Amino acid sequence: MLSKGVEITSRSGGRFGAYLGKPNAVSAPIVVIAQEIFGITPFIRETVDWLVGAGFGCVCPDLYWRQAPNIELDANVPSEREQALALFRDFDLEAGTDDLACTIEYARALPFSNGRVAVVGYCLGGALAFNVAARSLADCSIGYYGVGLEKKVSLVPAIGRPAMFHMGTEDHYVTAEARSILDEHFGQNRNISLHWYPVGHSFARASSPGFDQAATTVANARTLELLATLKALS
């Protein structure tokens, strides 16, 4: 479900929609939310409600607009989960990062923006949040259970703005070796905070079998603490 009338121009000139959450304040930081592999789902819209309630505006771009515009898949329906995994396999991470760059520019220019923009991403979006951090596109970047981060550690020195990553020690996408790689390399950059929780993948989505309320509460509190710095700068 995309917001009517919202269109963002991509680097290639194509246009894509987004789900918009307007802040309650006249001026506020904007959080760009990068979706999971399932599209802009109820979980993403609930995340918007949470962040708007915390004093932010939100923009959630349709990152699947090239493959399957405005798609919304249920992770708990096997056929739809397979469809999401297929979309993820074919997803162009560089193009997706460029789309987030365009969304960040769009967010900064919104009439209710204070000019500060963060990116918060989940799963696929968590990986994209890392890319955003490595390119210094947002004022801060936050990723939940990003996939494949251990393959990107050569970019860690490029992260010059605050970045936070929430990961599960029981995540089946993150091996013990990958955890060791992340600890070693992320620990060398003081701009990065890496938090581990004794949980699996998708622990922050209430509809996930792996949902963990305790870990989500702690992770979300840490996220809000970092995002609050963008209010202080307004």
Protein backbone atom coordinates (compact mmCIF):
# COMPACT_ATOMS: atom_id res chain seq x y z
CA MET A 1 0.00 0.00 0.00
CA LEU A 2 1.75 3.13 -1.21
CA SER A 3 0.79 6.70 -0.41
CA LYS A 4 -1.18 8.41 -3.14
CA GLY A 5 0.72 11.09 -5.00
CA VAL A 6 4.16 10.15 -3.69
CA GLU A 7 6.68 9.56 -6.47
CA ILE A 8 10.46 9.58 -6.29
CA THR A 9 12.68 9.86 -9.36
CA SER A 10 15.42 7.27 -9.68
CA ARG A 11 18.90 7.88 -11.07
CA SER A 12 17.77 6.30 -14.35
CA GLY A 13 14.73 8.57 -14.60
CA GLY A 14 12.18 5.92 -13.61
CA ARG A 15 9.75 6.78 -10.86
CA PHE A 16 8.77 4.74 -7.84
CA GLY A 17 6.24 5.12 -5.08
CA ALA A 18 6.63 5.12 -1.31
CA TYR A 19 4.64 4.85 1.88
CA LEU A 20 4.74 8.12 3.78
CA GLY A 21 4.31 8.82 7.49
CA LYS A 22 4.00 12.50 8.33
CA PRO A 23 5.38 13.65 11.69
CA ASN A 24 3.16 15.21 14.31
CA ALA A 25 5.56 18.14 14.62
CA VAL A 26 5.94 21.01 12.16
CA SER A 27 9.55 19.99 11.57
CA ALA A 28 11.22 16.67 12.38
CA PRO A 29 13.96 14.30 11.28
CA ILE A 30 12.88 11.83 8.61
CA VAL A 31 13.54 8.10 8.79
CA VAL A 32 13.84 6.28 5.48
CA ILE A 33 12.79 2.69 6.09
CA ALA A 34 14.30 0.00 3.88
CA GLN A 35 11.97 -2.99 3.58
CA GLU A 36 12.44 -6.68 4.22
CA ILE A 37 12.28 -9.05 1.24
CA PHE A 38 8.48 -9.10 1.50
CA GLY A 39 7.77 -5.55 0.36
CA ILE A 40 5.93 -2.80 2.22
CA THR A 41 4.01 -5.07 4.56
CA PRO A 42 1.94 -4.50 7.71
CA PHE A 43 5.20 -4.81 9.68
CA ILE A 44 6.71 -1.90 7.76
CA ARG A 45 3.58 0.19 8.26
CA GLU A 46 3.61 -0.66 11.98
CA THR A 47 7.24 0.50 12.07
CA VAL A 48 6.12 3.80 10.55
CA ASP A 49 3.45 4.18 13.24
CA TRP A 50 6.05 3.49 15.94
CA LEU A 51 8.50 6.06 14.60
CA VAL A 52 5.87 8.72 13.92
CA GLY A 53 4.71 8.23 17.50
CA ALA A 54 8.31 8.79 18.61
CA GLY A 55 8.45 12.14 16.82
CA PHE A 56 9.80 11.34 13.37
CA GLY A 57 8.56 11.42 9.81
CA CYS A 58 8.99 8.35 7.61
CA VAL A 59 9.42 7.47 3.96
CA CYS A 60 9.36 3.81 2.87
CA PRO A 61 10.34 3.48 -0.81
CA ASP A 62 9.07 0.64 -2.97
CA LEU A 63 12.43 -1.02 -3.53
CA TYR A 64 10.88 -3.76 -5.69
CA TRP A 65 9.50 -1.29 -8.23
CA ARG A 66 11.65 -2.67 -11.04
CA GLN A 67 10.66 -6.28 -10.41
CA ALA A 68 7.19 -6.28 -8.85
CA PRO A 69 5.81 -2.81 -8.08
CA ASN A 70 3.70 -2.39 -4.94
CA ILE A 71 3.97 -6.05 -4.00
CA GLU A 72 3.13 -7.18 -0.47
CA LEU A 73 3.96 -10.76 0.51
CA ASP A 74 3.19 -12.77 3.63
CA ALA A 75 6.28 -14.42 5.12
CA ASN A 76 4.12 -17.11 6.72
CA VAL A 77 2.57 -18.30 3.43
CA PRO A 78 5.05 -20.76 1.86
CA SER A 79 4.34 -19.81 -1.77
CA GLU A 80 4.66 -16.10 -1.01
CA ARG A 81 7.84 -16.69 0.98
CA GLU A 82 9.33 -18.49 -2.03
CA GLN A 83 8.29 -15.59 -4.25
CA ALA A 84 10.02 -13.16 -1.88
CA LEU A 85 13.20 -15.24 -1.86
CA ALA A 86 13.18 -15.28 -5.67
CA LEU A 87 12.80 -11.49 -5.76
CA PHE A 88 15.66 -11.17 -3.29
CA ARG A 89 17.93 -13.40 -5.38
CA ASP A 90 17.34 -11.19 -8.42
CA PHE A 91 17.50 -7.90 -6.54
CA ASP A 92 20.20 -5.44 -7.62
CA LEU A 93 21.75 -4.20 -4.37
CA GLU A 94 23.59 -1.33 -6.05
CA ALA A 95 20.42 -0.11 -7.77
CA GLY A 96 18.59 -0.45 -4.46
CA THR A 97 21.25 1.64 -2.74
CA ASP A 98 20.87 4.29 -5.44
CA ASP A 99 17.11 4.25 -4.86
CA LEU A 100 17.70 4.87 -1.18
CA ALA A 101 20.04 7.74 -2.08
CA CYS A 102 17.23 9.29 -4.13
CA THR A 103 14.78 8.68 -1.29
CA ILE A 104 17.12 10.39 1.18
CA GLU A 105 17.31 13.43 -1.09
CA TYR A 106 13.51 13.40 -1.37
CA ALA A 107 13.19 13.13 2.43
CA ARG A 108 15.54 16.05 3.09
CA ALA A 109 13.42 18.28 0.85
CA LEU A 110 10.04 17.45 2.40
CA PRO A 111 8.31 20.53 3.85
CA PHE A 112 8.15 18.93 7.31
CA SER A 113 11.78 17.75 7.31
CA ASN A 114 14.36 19.40 9.55
CA GLY A 115 16.97 18.37 6.97
CA ARG A 116 18.24 15.38 8.93
CA VAL A 117 17.65 11.89 7.58
CA ALA A 118 18.32 8.42 8.96
CA VAL A 119 17.96 5.03 7.32
CA VAL A 120 16.54 2.05 9.20
CA GLY A 121 16.52 -1.27 7.36
CA TYR A 122 15.46 -4.84 8.04
CA CYS A 123 16.91 -8.02 6.46
CA LEU A 124 17.44 -6.91 2.83
CA GLY A 125 17.04 -3.39 4.13
CA GLY A 126 19.65 -4.07 6.80
CA ALA A 127 22.17 -4.89 4.10
CA LEU A 128 21.19 -1.74 2.22
CA ALA A 129 21.57 0.30 5.42
CA PHE A 130 25.20 -0.83 5.52
CA ASN A 131 25.68 0.33 1.92
CA VAL A 132 24.15 3.69 2.82
CA ALA A 133 26.52 4.00 5.77
CA ALA A 134 29.55 3.14 3.62
CA ARG A 135 28.59 5.90 1.18
CA SER A 136 27.73 8.47 3.91
CA LEU A 137 24.34 9.08 2.32
CA ALA A 138 22.37 9.54 5.55
CA ASP A 139 23.11 11.26 8.85
CA CYS A 140 22.96 7.86 10.54
CA SER A 141 22.18 4.30 9.46
CA ILE A 142 20.64 1.43 11.41
CA GLY A 143 20.32 -2.16 10.23
CA TYR A 144 18.42 -5.05 11.75
CA TYR A 145 19.67 -8.56 10.86
CA GLY A 146 21.25 -7.47 7.59
CA VAL A 147 22.21 -10.33 5.29
CA GLY A 148 25.76 -10.77 3.98
CA LEU A 149 27.44 -8.00 5.95
CA GLU A 150 30.54 -10.16 6.49
CA LYS A 151 31.17 -9.92 2.73
CA LYS A 152 31.30 -6.12 2.89
CA VAL A 153 33.85 -5.55 5.66
CA SER A 154 36.35 -3.98 3.26
CA LEU A 155 33.98 -0.98 3.29
CA VAL A 156 33.99 -0.61 7.08
CA PRO A 157 36.74 2.09 7.11
CA ALA A 158 34.57 4.24 4.83
CA ILE A 159 31.80 4.56 7.44
CA GLY A 160 32.28 8.07 8.79
CA ARG A 161 28.86 8.72 10.33
CA PRO A 162 27.05 6.91 13.16
CA ALA A 163 25.88 3.42 12.22
CA MET A 164 24.22 0.75 14.34
CA PHE A 165 23.58 -2.90 13.56
CA HIS A 166 21.35 -5.33 15.46
CA MET A 167 22.19 -8.99 14.84
CA GLY A 168 21.13 -12.37 16.23
CA THR A 169 23.65 -14.96 17.38
CA GLU A 170 21.15 -17.66 16.34
CA ASP A 171 20.48 -16.17 12.89
CA HIS A 172 20.77 -18.99 10.36
CA TYR A 173 22.10 -16.51 7.79
CA VAL A 174 25.03 -15.57 10.03
CA THR A 175 27.58 -18.32 10.71
CA ALA A 176 29.98 -18.38 13.64
CA GLU A 177 32.74 -17.39 11.21
CA ALA A 178 30.66 -14.46 9.97
CA ARG A 179 30.07 -13.31 13.55
CA SER A 180 33.79 -13.36 14.20
CA ILE A 181 34.49 -11.37 11.03
CA LEU A 182 31.91 -8.75 11.95
CA ASP A 183 33.19 -8.40 15.51
CA GLU A 184 36.76 -7.95 14.32
CA HIS A 185 36.15 -5.44 11.56
CA PHE A 186 33.22 -3.45 12.95
CA GLY A 187 35.15 -3.08 16.20
CA GLN A 188 37.87 -1.15 14.37
CA ASN A 189 35.54 1.75 13.52
CA ARG A 190 34.25 3.79 16.45
CA ASN A 191 31.39 5.13 14.33
CA ILE A 192 29.83 1.66 14.35
CA SER A 193 27.95 0.04 17.19
CA LEU A 194 27.29 -3.68 16.75
CA HIS A 195 24.82 -5.36 19.07
CA TRP A 196 24.27 -9.10 19.35
CA TYR A 197 21.12 -10.71 20.77
CA PRO A 198 20.54 -14.42 21.56
CA VAL A 199 17.88 -14.67 18.84
CA GLY A 200 17.40 -15.69 15.22
CA HIS A 201 16.55 -13.86 12.02
CA SER A 202 13.56 -11.49 11.84
CA PHE A 203 13.44 -11.24 15.62
CA ALA A 204 11.90 -7.74 15.48
CA ARG A 205 8.84 -8.66 13.37
CA ALA A 206 5.91 -9.70 15.56
CA SER A 207 4.48 -12.02 12.88
CA SER A 208 7.76 -13.97 12.63
CA PRO A 209 8.11 -17.35 14.36
CA GLY A 210 11.45 -16.01 15.58
CA PHE A 211 9.99 -12.85 17.12
CA ASP A 212 11.57 -12.00 20.47
CA GLN A 213 9.95 -9.23 22.49
CA ALA A 214 12.82 -8.77 24.92
CA ALA A 215 15.45 -8.38 22.20
CA THR A 216 13.18 -6.12 20.16
CA THR A 217 12.55 -3.85 23.12
CA VAL A 218 16.28 -3.42 23.76
CA ALA A 219 17.14 -3.00 20.07
CA ASN A 220 14.38 -0.46 19.49
CA ALA A 221 15.44 1.54 22.54
CA ARG A 222 18.97 1.70 21.19
CA THR A 223 17.63 2.72 17.79
CA LEU A 224 15.59 5.56 19.28
CA GLU A 225 18.59 6.73 21.30
CA LEU A 226 20.62 7.14 18.11
CA LEU A 227 17.74 8.69 16.16
CA ALA A 228 17.17 11.22 18.95
CA THR A 229 20.51 12.80 18.11
CA LEU A 230 18.95 14.03 14.88
CA LYS A 231 16.33 15.93 16.87
CA ALA A 232 19.02 17.62 18.94
CA LEU A 233 20.55 18.94 15.72
CA SER A 234 17.31 20.50 14.48
